[in-house]
């Protein structure tokens, strides 16, 4: 299982992060964000309880 991160957390590495469900499952129309070096916290998700998962560079 891949590690997920809560909104507002500072991710350990830059890259692409995708919104995941409360238990790590997929969600319909997930948000995807790009975190660059120097960016701070992950943004809010569309609904409470969701998390972020790193999906690419």
PDB file of N, CA and C in Angstrom:
ATOM      1  N   UNK A   1       0.841  -1.180   0.000  1.00  0.00           N
ATOM      2  CA  UNK A   1       0.000   0.000   0.000  1.00  0.00           C
ATOM      3  C   UNK A   1       0.889   1.248   0.000  1.00  0.00           C
ATOM      4  N   UNK A   2       0.535   2.216  -0.813  1.00  0.00           N
ATOM      5  CA  UNK A   2       1.296   3.447  -0.934  1.00  0.00           C
ATOM      6  C   UNK A   2       0.924   4.397   0.202  1.00  0.00           C
ATOM      7  N   UNK A   3       1.897   5.145   0.675  1.00  0.00           N
ATOM      8  CA  UNK A   3       1.662   6.106   1.752  1.00  0.00           C
ATOM      9  C   UNK A   3       0.800   7.252   1.250  1.00  0.00           C
ATOM     10  N   UNK A   4      -0.146   7.672   2.082  1.00  0.00           N
ATOM     11  CA  UNK A   4      -0.981   8.821   1.755  1.00  0.00           C
ATOM     12  C   UNK A   4      -0.674   9.950   2.730  1.00  0.00           C
ATOM     13  N   UNK A   5      -0.990  11.166   2.308  1.00  0.00           N
ATOM     14  CA  UNK A   5      -0.689  12.358   3.092  1.00  0.00           C
ATOM     15  C   UNK A   5      -1.953  13.189   3.264  1.00  0.00           C
ATOM     16  N   UNK A   6      -2.106  13.778   4.419  1.00  0.00           N
ATOM     17  CA  UNK A   6      -3.276  14.599   4.716  1.00  0.00           C
ATOM     18  C   UNK A   6      -3.115  15.991   4.124  1.00  0.00           C
ATOM     19  N   UNK A   7      -4.228  16.654   3.798  1.00  0.00           N
ATOM     20  CA  UNK A   7      -4.149  18.042   3.354  1.00  0.00           C
ATOM     21  C   UNK A   7      -3.455  18.884   4.431  1.00  0.00           C
ATOM     22  N   UNK A   8      -2.590  19.788   4.014  1.00  0.00           N
ATOM     23  CA  UNK A   8      -1.866  20.628   4.956  1.00  0.00           C
ATOM     24  C   UNK A   8      -0.523  20.066   5.375  1.00  0.00           C
ATOM     25  N   UNK A   9      -0.271  18.792   5.073  1.00  0.00           N
ATOM     26  CA  UNK A   9       1.037  18.193   5.385  1.00  0.00           C
ATOM     27  C   UNK A   9       2.057  18.632   4.349  1.00  0.00           C
ATOM     28  N   UNK A  10       3.321  18.687   4.753  1.00  0.00           N
ATOM     29  CA  UNK A  10       4.410  18.942   3.824  1.00  0.00           C
ATOM     30  C   UNK A  10       4.857  17.601   3.252  1.00  0.00           C
ATOM     31  N   UNK A  11       4.714  17.397   1.935  1.00  0.00           N
ATOM     32  CA  UNK A  11       5.122  16.119   1.362  1.00  0.00           C
ATOM     33  C   UNK A  11       6.640  15.972   1.382  1.00  0.00           C
ATOM     34  N   UNK A  12       7.143  14.739   1.503  1.00  0.00           N
ATOM     35  CA  UNK A  12       8.583  14.521   1.582  1.00  0.00           C
ATOM     36  C   UNK A  12       9.316  14.783   0.273  1.00  0.00           C
ATOM     37  N   UNK A  13       8.630  14.613  -0.861  1.00  0.00           N
ATOM     38  CA  UNK A  13       9.272  14.807  -2.166  1.00  0.00           C
ATOM     39  C   UNK A  13       8.345  15.571  -3.093  1.00  0.00           C
ATOM     40  N   UNK A  14       8.903  16.370  -4.017  1.00  0.00           N
ATOM     41  CA  UNK A  14       8.069  17.009  -5.034  1.00  0.00           C
ATOM     42  C   UNK A  14       7.543  15.966  -6.011  1.00  0.00           C
ATOM     43  N   UNK A  15       6.503  16.308  -6.742  1.00  0.00           N
ATOM     44  CA  UNK A  15       5.954  15.410  -7.749  1.00  0.00           C
ATOM     45  C   UNK A  15       4.465  15.590  -7.907  1.00  0.00           C
ATOM     46  N   UNK A  16       3.839  14.630  -8.582  1.00  0.00           N
ATOM     47  CA  UNK A  16       2.403  14.638  -8.824  1.00  0.00           C
ATOM     48  C   UNK A  16       1.695  13.917  -7.680  1.00  0.00           C
ATOM     49  N   UNK A  17       0.659  14.531  -7.154  1.00  0.00           N
ATOM     50  CA  UNK A  17      -0.134  13.938  -6.085  1.00  0.00           C
ATOM     51  C   UNK A  17      -1.587  13.910  -6.517  1.00  0.00           C
ATOM     52  N   UNK A  18      -2.263  12.776  -6.247  1.00  0.00           N
ATOM     53  CA  UNK A  18      -3.651  12.602  -6.634  1.00  0.00           C
ATOM     54  C   UNK A  18      -4.500  12.376  -5.393  1.00  0.00           C
ATOM     55  N   UNK A  19      -5.702  12.904  -5.441  1.00  0.00           N
ATOM     56  CA  UNK A  19      -6.643  12.769  -4.325  1.00  0.00           C
ATOM     57  C   UNK A  19      -7.130  11.323  -4.224  1.00  0.00           C
ATOM     58  N   UNK A  20      -7.194  10.813  -3.003  1.00  0.00           N
ATOM     59  CA  UNK A  20      -7.646   9.444  -2.744  1.00  0.00           C
ATOM     60  C   UNK A  20      -8.763   9.475  -1.702  1.00  0.00           C
ATOM     61  N   UNK A  21      -9.531   8.396  -1.621  1.00  0.00           N
ATOM     62  CA  UNK A  21     -10.625   8.290  -0.665  1.00  0.00           C
ATOM     63  C   UNK A  21     -10.123   8.094   0.758  1.00  0.00           C
ATOM     64  N   UNK A  22     -11.036   8.105   1.737  1.00  0.00           N
ATOM     65  CA  UNK A  22     -10.652   7.982   3.146  1.00  0.00           C
ATOM     66  C   UNK A  22      -9.863   6.722   3.485  1.00  0.00           C
ATOM     67  N   UNK A  23     -10.107   5.630   2.754  1.00  0.00           N
ATOM     68  CA  UNK A  23      -9.377   4.391   3.013  1.00  0.00           C
ATOM     69  C   UNK A  23      -8.354   4.082   1.922  1.00  0.00           C
ATOM     70  N   UNK A  24      -8.006   5.095   1.123  1.00  0.00           N
ATOM     71  CA  UNK A  24      -6.995   4.928   0.095  1.00  0.00           C
ATOM     72  C   UNK A  24      -7.519   4.527  -1.267  1.00  0.00           C
ATOM     73  N   UNK A  25      -8.830   4.388  -1.405  1.00  0.00           N
ATOM     74  CA  UNK A  25      -9.407   3.996  -2.688  1.00  0.00           C
ATOM     75  C   UNK A  25      -9.546   5.162  -3.643  1.00  0.00           C
ATOM     76  N   UNK A  26      -9.913   4.844  -4.878  1.00  0.00           N
ATOM     77  CA  UNK A  26     -10.076   5.900  -5.876  1.00  0.00           C
ATOM     78  C   UNK A  26     -11.367   6.664  -5.632  1.00  0.00           C
ATOM     79  N   UNK A  27     -11.425   7.881  -6.138  1.00  0.00           N
ATOM     80  CA  UNK A  27     -12.604   8.736  -6.024  1.00  0.00           C
ATOM     81  C   UNK A  27     -12.988   9.209  -7.415  1.00  0.00           C
ATOM     82  N   UNK A  28     -14.272   9.522  -7.650  1.00  0.00           N
ATOM     83  CA  UNK A  28     -14.657  10.029  -8.966  1.00  0.00           C
ATOM     84  C   UNK A  28     -14.109  11.440  -9.163  1.00  0.00           C
ATOM     85  N   UNK A  29     -13.564  11.706 -10.335  1.00  0.00           N
ATOM     86  CA  UNK A  29     -12.991  13.004 -10.694  1.00  0.00           C
ATOM     87  C   UNK A  29     -12.007  13.521  -9.648  1.00  0.00           C
ATOM     88  N   UNK A  30     -10.929  12.776  -9.386  1.00  0.00           N
ATOM     89  CA  UNK A  30      -9.964  13.203  -8.368  1.00  0.00           C
ATOM     90  C   UNK A  30      -9.171  14.425  -8.814  1.00  0.00           C
ATOM     91  N   UNK A  31      -8.826  15.270  -7.870  1.00  0.00           N
ATOM     92  CA  UNK A  31      -7.928  16.390  -8.156  1.00  0.00           C
ATOM     93  C   UNK A  31      -6.516  15.850  -8.237  1.00  0.00           C
ATOM     94  N   UNK A  32      -5.703  16.467  -9.090  1.00  0.00           N
ATOM     95  CA  UNK A  32      -4.296  16.102  -9.187  1.00  0.00           C
ATOM     96  C   UNK A  32      -3.504  17.405  -9.131  1.00  0.00           C
ATOM     97  N   UNK A  33      -2.491  17.440  -8.276  1.00  0.00           N
ATOM     98  CA  UNK A  33      -1.670  18.640  -8.116  1.00  0.00           C
ATOM     99  C   UNK A  33      -0.206  18.298  -8.325  1.00  0.00           C
ATOM    100  N   UNK A  34       0.550  19.305  -8.742  1.00  0.00           N
ATOM    101  CA  UNK A  34       1.992  19.162  -8.900  1.00  0.00           C
ATOM    102  C   UNK A  34       2.662  19.959  -7.800  1.00  0.00           C
ATOM    103  N   UNK A  35       3.477  19.300  -7.006  1.00  0.00           N
ATOM    104  CA  UNK A  35       4.224  19.950  -5.935  1.00  0.00           C
ATOM    105  C   UNK A  35       5.660  20.129  -6.420  1.00  0.00           C
ATOM    106  N   UNK A  36       6.090  21.379  -6.473  1.00  0.00           N
ATOM    107  CA  UNK A  36       7.438  21.725  -6.911  1.00  0.00           C
ATOM    108  C   UNK A  36       8.359  21.841  -5.698  1.00  0.00           C
ATOM    109  N   UNK A  37       9.670  21.735  -5.891  1.00  0.00           N
ATOM    110  CA  UNK A  37      10.587  21.955  -4.768  1.00  0.00           C
ATOM    111  C   UNK A  37      10.366  23.356  -4.198  1.00  0.00           C
ATOM    112  N   UNK A  38      10.256  23.438  -2.899  1.00  0.00           N
ATOM    113  CA  UNK A  38      10.011  24.715  -2.236  1.00  0.00           C
ATOM    114  C   UNK A  38       8.549  24.973  -1.932  1.00  0.00           C
ATOM    115  N   UNK A  39       7.621  24.259  -2.601  1.00  0.00           N
ATOM    116  CA  UNK A  39       6.203  24.387  -2.257  1.00  0.00           C
ATOM    117  C   UNK A  39       6.009  23.818  -0.873  1.00  0.00           C
ATOM    118  N   UNK A  40       5.121  24.362  -0.130  1.00  0.00           N
ATOM    119  CA  UNK A  40       4.948  23.895   1.242  1.00  0.00           C
ATOM    120  C   UNK A  40       3.846  22.847   1.366  1.00  0.00           C
ATOM    121  N   UNK A  41       2.699  23.158   1.964  1.00  0.00           N
ATOM    122  CA  UNK A  41       1.749  22.080   2.263  1.00  0.00           C
ATOM    123  C   UNK A  41       0.890  21.665   1.069  1.00  0.00           C
ATOM    124  N   UNK A  42       0.353  20.462   1.183  1.00  0.00           N
ATOM    125  CA  UNK A  42      -0.602  19.969   0.197  1.00  0.00           C
ATOM    126  C   UNK A  42      -1.906  20.746   0.355  1.00  0.00           C
ATOM    127  N   UNK A  43      -2.609  21.010  -0.756  1.00  0.00           N
ATOM    128  CA  UNK A  43      -3.844  21.789  -0.684  1.00  0.00           C
ATOM    129  C   UNK A  43      -5.007  20.979  -0.109  1.00  0.00           C
ATOM    130  N   UNK A  44      -6.119  21.644   0.179  1.00  0.00           N
ATOM    131  CA  UNK A  44      -7.307  20.922   0.660  1.00  0.00           C
ATOM    132  C   UNK A  44      -7.844  19.971  -0.413  1.00  0.00           C
ATOM    133  N   UNK A  45      -8.543  18.938   0.027  1.00  0.00           N
ATOM    134  CA  UNK A  45      -9.198  18.013  -0.901  1.00  0.00           C
ATOM    135  C   UNK A  45     -10.636  18.488  -1.124  1.00  0.00           C
ATOM    136  N   UNK A  46     -11.338  17.833  -2.053  1.00  0.00           N
ATOM    137  CA  UNK A  46     -12.703  18.234  -2.381  1.00  0.00           C
ATOM    138  C   UNK A  46     -13.691  17.930  -1.258  1.00  0.00           C
ATOM    139  N   UNK A  47     -13.416  16.885  -0.489  1.00  0.00           N
ATOM    140  CA  UNK A  47     -14.305  16.497   0.615  1.00  0.00           C
ATOM    141  C   UNK A  47     -13.471  16.147   1.834  1.00  0.00           C
ATOM    142  N   UNK A  48     -14.009  16.366   3.034  1.00  0.00           N
ATOM    143  CA  UNK A  48     -13.272  16.001   4.257  1.00  0.00           C
ATOM    144  C   UNK A  48     -12.984  14.500   4.306  1.00  0.00           C
ATOM    145  N   UNK A  49     -11.858  14.149   4.903  1.00  0.00           N
ATOM    146  CA  UNK A  49     -11.502  12.746   5.075  1.00  0.00           C
ATOM    147  C   UNK A  49     -10.654  12.174   3.947  1.00  0.00           C
ATOM    148  N   UNK A  50     -10.573  12.876   2.835  1.00  0.00           N
ATOM    149  CA  UNK A  50      -9.756  12.388   1.725  1.00  0.00           C
ATOM    150  C   UNK A  50      -8.296  12.730   1.960  1.00  0.00           C
ATOM    151  N   UNK A  51      -7.418  12.039   1.235  1.00  0.00           N
ATOM    152  CA  UNK A  51      -5.959  12.221   1.402  1.00  0.00           C
ATOM    153  C   UNK A  51      -5.325  12.396   0.025  1.00  0.00           C
ATOM    154  N   UNK A  52      -4.001  12.582   0.020  1.00  0.00           N
ATOM    155  CA  UNK A  52      -3.214  12.704  -1.203  1.00  0.00           C
ATOM    156  C   UNK A  52      -2.239  11.537  -1.293  1.00  0.00           C
ATOM    157  N   UNK A  53      -2.008  11.065  -2.520  1.00  0.00           N
ATOM    158  CA  UNK A  53      -1.060   9.981  -2.771  1.00  0.00           C
ATOM    159  C   UNK A  53      -0.143  10.405  -3.906  1.00  0.00           C
ATOM    160  N   UNK A  54       1.154  10.158  -3.761  1.00  0.00           N
ATOM    161  CA  UNK A  54       2.111  10.501  -4.825  1.00  0.00           C
ATOM    162  C   UNK A  54       1.960   9.502  -5.953  1.00  0.00           C
ATOM    163  N   UNK A  55       1.754  10.023  -7.176  1.00  0.00           N
ATOM    164  CA  UNK A  55       1.527   9.147  -8.321  1.00  0.00           C
ATOM    165  C   UNK A  55       2.568   9.296  -9.414  1.00  0.00           C
ATOM    166  N   UNK A  56       3.428  10.293  -9.341  1.00  0.00           N
ATOM    167  CA  UNK A  56       4.423  10.451 -10.392  1.00  0.00           C
ATOM    168  C   UNK A  56       5.444  11.511 -10.047  1.00  0.00           C
ATOM    169  N   UNK A  57       6.343  11.749 -10.969  1.00  0.00           N
ATOM    170  CA  UNK A  57       7.423  12.707 -10.755  1.00  0.00           C
ATOM    171  C   UNK A  57       6.916  14.056 -10.618  1.00  0.00           C
TER     172      UNK A  57
END
